[in-house]
Structure formats: C-alpha cells, structure tokens
Amino acid sequence: PIDVMALLESLQADYEETGHPVRIQGHATSTFVGKPRALKRCLNNLIENAVKYGKNATIIVQDEEARLLLKVEDEGPGIPAEEQENIFAPFYRIESSRNRDSGGTGWGLSIARNIARDHRGDIICRNLETSGLQVIVTLPKRASLNETGALNS
C-alpha cells in the first residue's frame, strides 16, 4: 500500500528545497497498492519535466472509485499535437529541446509510462486551453501485488 498524499508531499518538499514550487490540489482518500519506489520515480520524472520546461508544476489528484488520476500541469508552451505520443518513445526529444543546455536524454517520459503501465495504468498528455501541458497518469485501483512483488490485475 502507498500513501499517495505522503508520496506527493515528499516530492513537493524536495522540489521546494531547490526553489521550484510544486502545488498539490485534491486529495487521495485511500491508499494505492503498487510499487512505491517505481511510482515515486514516475512522478518525479513528470514533475522534473514540468519545472524544467514549464516553469512550475501543479499536481491535481482525483481519487475515483475505480481509479486514481494524477495530473501534472505546467505553464510552458505545450507540445504540438503531432508530437504528443512521440514524447513517450525512448530517446525522443522535441527539436526545440535538443540542445546541450537543456540536458536530458529523452528517457524520462518513456520510463514514466513504463512504470504506469506496469501498474496496469497509462500516461497521456494534452495541451491546456490557455498555455501549458497536462500529463495524466491513470492508475486502476484493482491492481494488487503478488508474493513476488509483481503486479496482478
């Protein structure tokens, strides 16, 4: 079981220590069964991208009966619609981010999606109406761990 709010608050504190404000809206009312270190890495990758390319991060938590939605929003320029699926491919970087100064290898979103899918969920992204990007992590609550630590459905 993972206390999702404690995990998010821990990430929030880490980023605030480095001068990057991260806001959390909403609340998870129940624990989520999953791999805590993996889920932390998934969310860290998304938050890191939000503060790097979109100035800040807001995490919106929606705890529904059958699923947990975690939406990471930023205030950056967004991503062209034709690139939105490509950004999850390993090593893929949008042309404007392909300089040495911006750093990164293009692995972060691929890893994040793999972790979400390992939890029987997924990640998608979409541009916000005004400006910015919203990355949506959908995690079904029906998943559980077996005795070896692998996820069951």
C-alpha atoms as a PDB file:
ATOM      1  CA  PRO A   1       0.000   0.000   0.000  1.00  0.00           C
ATOM      2  CA  ILE A   2       1.174   3.506  -0.890  1.00  0.00           C
ATOM      3  CA  ASP A   3       0.061   6.649   0.886  1.00  0.00           C
ATOM      4  CA  VAL A   4      -0.194   8.727  -2.298  1.00  0.00           C
ATOM      5  CA  MET A   5      -0.514  12.035  -0.485  1.00  0.00           C
ATOM      6  CA  ALA A   6       2.613  11.366   1.603  1.00  0.00           C
ATOM      7  CA  LEU A   7       4.487  10.452  -1.583  1.00  0.00           C
ATOM      8  CA  LEU A   8       3.362  13.638  -3.343  1.00  0.00           C
ATOM      9  CA  GLU A   9       4.133  15.815  -0.326  1.00  0.00           C
ATOM     10  CA  SER A  10       7.625  14.296  -0.138  1.00  0.00           C
ATOM     11  CA  LEU A  11       8.251  15.141  -3.801  1.00  0.00           C
ATOM     12  CA  GLN A  12       6.800  18.608  -3.243  1.00  0.00           C
ATOM     13  CA  ALA A  13       9.210  19.226  -0.344  1.00  0.00           C
ATOM     14  CA  ASP A  14      12.186  18.021  -2.409  1.00  0.00           C
ATOM     15  CA  TYR A  15      11.404  20.445  -5.234  1.00  0.00           C
ATOM     16  CA  GLU A  16      10.642  23.355  -2.936  1.00  0.00           C
ATOM     17  CA  GLU A  17      14.079  22.919  -1.327  1.00  0.00           C
ATOM     18  CA  THR A  18      15.599  23.593  -4.753  1.00  0.00           C
ATOM     19  CA  GLY A  19      13.433  26.663  -5.353  1.00  0.00           C
ATOM     20  CA  HIS A  20      10.826  25.012  -7.587  1.00  0.00           C
ATOM     21  CA  PRO A  21       7.320  25.399  -6.188  1.00  0.00           C
ATOM     22  CA  VAL A  22       5.053  22.406  -6.678  1.00  0.00           C
ATOM     23  CA  ARG A  23       1.360  22.748  -5.840  1.00  0.00           C
ATOM     24  CA  ILE A  24      -0.939  19.860  -4.962  1.00  0.00           C
ATOM     25  CA  GLN A  25      -4.696  20.119  -5.498  1.00  0.00           C
ATOM     26  CA  GLY A  26      -7.159  17.462  -4.474  1.00  0.00           C
ATOM     27  CA  HIS A  27      -6.664  14.516  -2.174  1.00  0.00           C
ATOM     28  CA  ALA A  28      -6.343  10.746  -2.343  1.00  0.00           C
ATOM     29  CA  THR A  29      -8.635   9.308   0.299  1.00  0.00           C
ATOM     30  CA  SER A  30      -7.380   5.736   0.140  1.00  0.00           C
ATOM     31  CA  THR A  31      -4.036   4.017  -0.213  1.00  0.00           C
ATOM     32  CA  PHE A  32      -2.970   2.702  -3.588  1.00  0.00           C
ATOM     33  CA  VAL A  33      -1.458  -0.765  -4.000  1.00  0.00           C
ATOM     34  CA  GLY A  34       1.706  -0.614  -6.059  1.00  0.00           C
ATOM     35  CA  LYS A  35       5.454  -0.268  -6.093  1.00  0.00           C
ATOM     36  CA  PRO A  36       6.309   2.858  -4.073  1.00  0.00           C
ATOM     37  CA  ARG A  37       9.827   3.484  -5.418  1.00  0.00           C
ATOM     38  CA  ALA A  38       8.699   2.987  -9.007  1.00  0.00           C
ATOM     39  CA  LEU A  39       5.682   5.261  -8.607  1.00  0.00           C
ATOM     40  CA  LYS A  40       7.893   7.899  -6.987  1.00  0.00           C
ATOM     41  CA  ARG A  41      10.283   7.731  -9.959  1.00  0.00           C
ATOM     42  CA  CYS A  42       7.382   8.021 -12.403  1.00  0.00           C
ATOM     43  CA  LEU A  43       6.000  11.122 -10.704  1.00  0.00           C
ATOM     44  CA  ASN A  44       9.446  12.622 -10.172  1.00  0.00           C
ATOM     45  CA  ASN A  45      10.137  12.366 -13.921  1.00  0.00           C
ATOM     46  CA  LEU A  46       6.872  14.159 -14.697  1.00  0.00           C
ATOM     47  CA  ILE A  47       7.430  16.888 -12.122  1.00  0.00           C
ATOM     48  CA  GLU A  48      11.015  17.367 -13.270  1.00  0.00           C
ATOM     49  CA  ASN A  49       9.841  17.946 -16.849  1.00  0.00           C
ATOM     50  CA  ALA A  50       7.124  20.335 -15.671  1.00  0.00           C
ATOM     51  CA  VAL A  51       9.526  22.554 -13.739  1.00  0.00           C
ATOM     52  CA  LYS A  52      12.230  22.302 -16.411  1.00  0.00           C
ATOM     53  CA  TYR A  53      10.143  23.108 -19.476  1.00  0.00           C
ATOM     54  CA  GLY A  54       7.063  24.691 -17.930  1.00  0.00           C
ATOM     55  CA  LYS A  55       8.420  26.767 -15.033  1.00  0.00           C
ATOM     56  CA  ASN A  56       6.394  25.054 -12.293  1.00  0.00           C
ATOM     57  CA  ALA A  57       4.213  22.061 -11.541  1.00  0.00           C
ATOM     58  CA  THR A  58       0.710  21.611 -10.225  1.00  0.00           C
ATOM     59  CA  ILE A  59      -0.406  18.087  -9.346  1.00  0.00           C
ATOM     60  CA  ILE A  60      -4.138  17.509  -9.414  1.00  0.00           C
ATOM     61  CA  VAL A  61      -5.245  14.399  -7.522  1.00  0.00           C
ATOM     62  CA  GLN A  62      -8.575  12.779  -8.400  1.00  0.00           C
ATOM     63  CA  ASP A  63      -9.365   9.717  -6.302  1.00  0.00           C
ATOM     64  CA  GLU A  64     -12.228   7.916  -8.015  1.00  0.00           C
ATOM     65  CA  GLU A  65     -13.866   4.644  -7.097  1.00  0.00           C
ATOM     66  CA  ALA A  66     -12.114   2.524  -9.721  1.00  0.00           C
ATOM     67  CA  ARG A  67      -9.033   4.605 -10.494  1.00  0.00           C
ATOM     68  CA  LEU A  68      -6.599   7.211  -9.312  1.00  0.00           C
ATOM     69  CA  LEU A  69      -5.857  10.135 -11.628  1.00  0.00           C
ATOM     70  CA  LEU A  70      -2.724  12.215 -11.124  1.00  0.00           C
ATOM     71  CA  LYS A  71      -2.497  15.195 -13.455  1.00  0.00           C
ATOM     72  CA  VAL A  72       0.773  17.109 -13.656  1.00  0.00           C
ATOM     73  CA  GLU A  73       0.308  20.551 -15.203  1.00  0.00           C
ATOM     74  CA  ASP A  74       2.807  23.242 -16.128  1.00  0.00           C
ATOM     75  CA  GLU A  75       2.749  26.720 -17.666  1.00  0.00           C
ATOM     76  CA  GLY A  76       5.118  26.057 -20.558  1.00  0.00           C
ATOM     77  CA  PRO A  77       4.472  26.302 -24.283  1.00  0.00           C
ATOM     78  CA  GLY A  78       2.829  22.878 -24.532  1.00  0.00           C
ATOM     79  CA  ILE A  79       3.651  20.282 -27.161  1.00  0.00           C
ATOM     80  CA  PRO A  80       2.418  20.191 -30.763  1.00  0.00           C
ATOM     81  CA  ALA A  81      -0.408  17.661 -31.115  1.00  0.00           C
ATOM     82  CA  GLU A  82       1.575  15.601 -33.634  1.00  0.00           C
ATOM     83  CA  GLU A  83       4.396  15.180 -31.073  1.00  0.00           C
ATOM     84  CA  GLN A  84       2.298  14.215 -28.050  1.00  0.00           C
ATOM     85  CA  GLU A  85       2.579  10.466 -28.487  1.00  0.00           C
ATOM     86  CA  ASN A  86       6.192  10.590 -29.692  1.00  0.00           C
ATOM     87  CA  ILE A  87       7.479  12.104 -26.453  1.00  0.00           C
ATOM     88  CA  PHE A  88       6.969   8.750 -24.719  1.00  0.00           C
ATOM     89  CA  ALA A  89       9.393   6.951 -27.053  1.00  0.00           C
ATOM     90  CA  PRO A  90      12.880   6.260 -25.645  1.00  0.00           C
ATOM     91  CA  PHE A  91      15.491   8.896 -26.568  1.00  0.00           C
ATOM     92  CA  TYR A  92      12.875  11.078 -28.277  1.00  0.00           C
ATOM     93  CA  ARG A  93      13.205  14.805 -27.718  1.00  0.00           C
ATOM     94  CA  ILE A  94      11.256  17.580 -29.357  1.00  0.00           C
ATOM     95  CA  GLU A  95      13.530  19.540 -31.698  1.00  0.00           C
ATOM     96  CA  SER A  96      13.464  22.730 -29.602  1.00  0.00           C
ATOM     97  CA  SER A  97      14.761  20.813 -26.568  1.00  0.00           C
ATOM     98  CA  ARG A  98      17.687  19.165 -28.373  1.00  0.00           C
ATOM     99  CA  ASN A  99      20.471  21.332 -27.146  1.00  0.00           C
ATOM    100  CA  ARG A 100      23.129  20.531 -24.580  1.00  0.00           C
ATOM    101  CA  ASP A 101      21.997  23.324 -22.280  1.00  0.00           C
ATOM    102  CA  SER A 102      18.595  21.764 -21.634  1.00  0.00           C
ATOM    103  CA  GLY A 103      20.148  18.424 -20.686  1.00  0.00           C
ATOM    104  CA  GLY A 104      18.263  15.162 -20.513  1.00  0.00           C
ATOM    105  CA  THR A 105      18.438  12.043 -22.609  1.00  0.00           C
ATOM    106  CA  GLY A 106      14.832  11.550 -23.641  1.00  0.00           C
ATOM    107  CA  TRP A 107      14.313   8.620 -21.247  1.00  0.00           C
ATOM    108  CA  GLY A 108      12.208  10.266 -18.521  1.00  0.00           C
ATOM    109  CA  LEU A 109       8.757  10.072 -20.089  1.00  0.00           C
ATOM    110  CA  SER A 110       9.402   6.612 -21.519  1.00  0.00           C
ATOM    111  CA  ILE A 111      10.323   5.352 -18.050  1.00  0.00           C
ATOM    112  CA  ALA A 112       7.314   7.095 -16.504  1.00  0.00           C
ATOM    113  CA  ARG A 113       4.934   5.466 -18.988  1.00  0.00           C
ATOM    114  CA  ASN A 114       6.500   2.043 -18.477  1.00  0.00           C
ATOM    115  CA  ILE A 115       6.017   2.379 -14.722  1.00  0.00           C
ATOM    116  CA  ALA A 116       2.377   3.440 -15.140  1.00  0.00           C
ATOM    117  CA  ARG A 117       1.769   0.513 -17.483  1.00  0.00           C
ATOM    118  CA  ASP A 118       3.484  -1.848 -15.043  1.00  0.00           C
ATOM    119  CA  HIS A 119       0.776  -0.735 -12.598  1.00  0.00           C
ATOM    120  CA  ARG A 120      -1.874  -1.571 -15.263  1.00  0.00           C
ATOM    121  CA  GLY A 121      -2.350   2.136 -15.967  1.00  0.00           C
ATOM    122  CA  ASP A 122      -1.135   4.590 -18.572  1.00  0.00           C
ATOM    123  CA  ILE A 123       0.057   8.129 -19.219  1.00  0.00           C
ATOM    124  CA  ILE A 124      -1.148  10.552 -21.860  1.00  0.00           C
ATOM    125  CA  CYS A 125      -0.613  14.254 -22.373  1.00  0.00           C
ATOM    126  CA  ARG A 126      -2.572  17.156 -23.787  1.00  0.00           C
ATOM    127  CA  ASN A 127      -2.163  20.883 -24.094  1.00  0.00           C
ATOM    128  CA  LEU A 128      -4.126  23.071 -21.728  1.00  0.00           C
ATOM    129  CA  GLU A 129      -6.518  25.612 -23.253  1.00  0.00           C
ATOM    130  CA  THR A 130      -4.582  28.695 -22.201  1.00  0.00           C
ATOM    131  CA  SER A 131      -0.966  27.534 -22.128  1.00  0.00           C
ATOM    132  CA  GLY A 132       0.940  24.632 -20.690  1.00  0.00           C
ATOM    133  CA  LEU A 133       0.859  20.885 -20.763  1.00  0.00           C
ATOM    134  CA  GLN A 134      -1.143  18.404 -18.721  1.00  0.00           C
ATOM    135  CA  VAL A 135       0.273  14.907 -18.275  1.00  0.00           C
ATOM    136  CA  ILE A 136      -2.341  12.485 -16.959  1.00  0.00           C
ATOM    137  CA  VAL A 137      -1.406   9.326 -15.070  1.00  0.00           C
ATOM    138  CA  THR A 138      -4.316   6.897 -14.797  1.00  0.00           C
ATOM    139  CA  LEU A 139      -3.900   4.080 -12.284  1.00  0.00           C
ATOM    140  CA  PRO A 140      -6.621   1.461 -11.806  1.00  0.00           C
ATOM    141  CA  LYS A 141      -7.281   0.528  -8.201  1.00  0.00           C
ATOM    142  CA  ARG A 142      -7.932  -3.114  -8.986  1.00  0.00           C
ATOM    143  CA  ALA A 143      -4.226  -3.914  -9.284  1.00  0.00           C
ATOM    144  CA  SER A 144      -2.533  -5.755  -6.456  1.00  0.00           C
ATOM    145  CA  LEU A 145       0.899  -7.198  -5.788  1.00  0.00           C
ATOM    146  CA  ASN A 146       1.566 -10.922  -5.619  1.00  0.00           C
ATOM    147  CA  GLU A 147       4.028 -12.525  -3.206  1.00  0.00           C
ATOM    148  CA  THR A 148       6.977 -11.869  -5.554  1.00  0.00           C
ATOM    149  CA  GLY A 149       6.204  -8.146  -5.796  1.00  0.00           C
ATOM    150  CA  ALA A 150       4.811  -8.371  -9.333  1.00  0.00           C
ATOM    151  CA  LEU A 151       1.538  -6.655 -10.087  1.00  0.00           C
ATOM    152  CA  ASN A 152      -1.626  -8.699 -10.608  1.00  0.00           C
ATOM    153  CA  SER A 153      -4.822  -7.366 -12.127  1.00  0.00           C
END
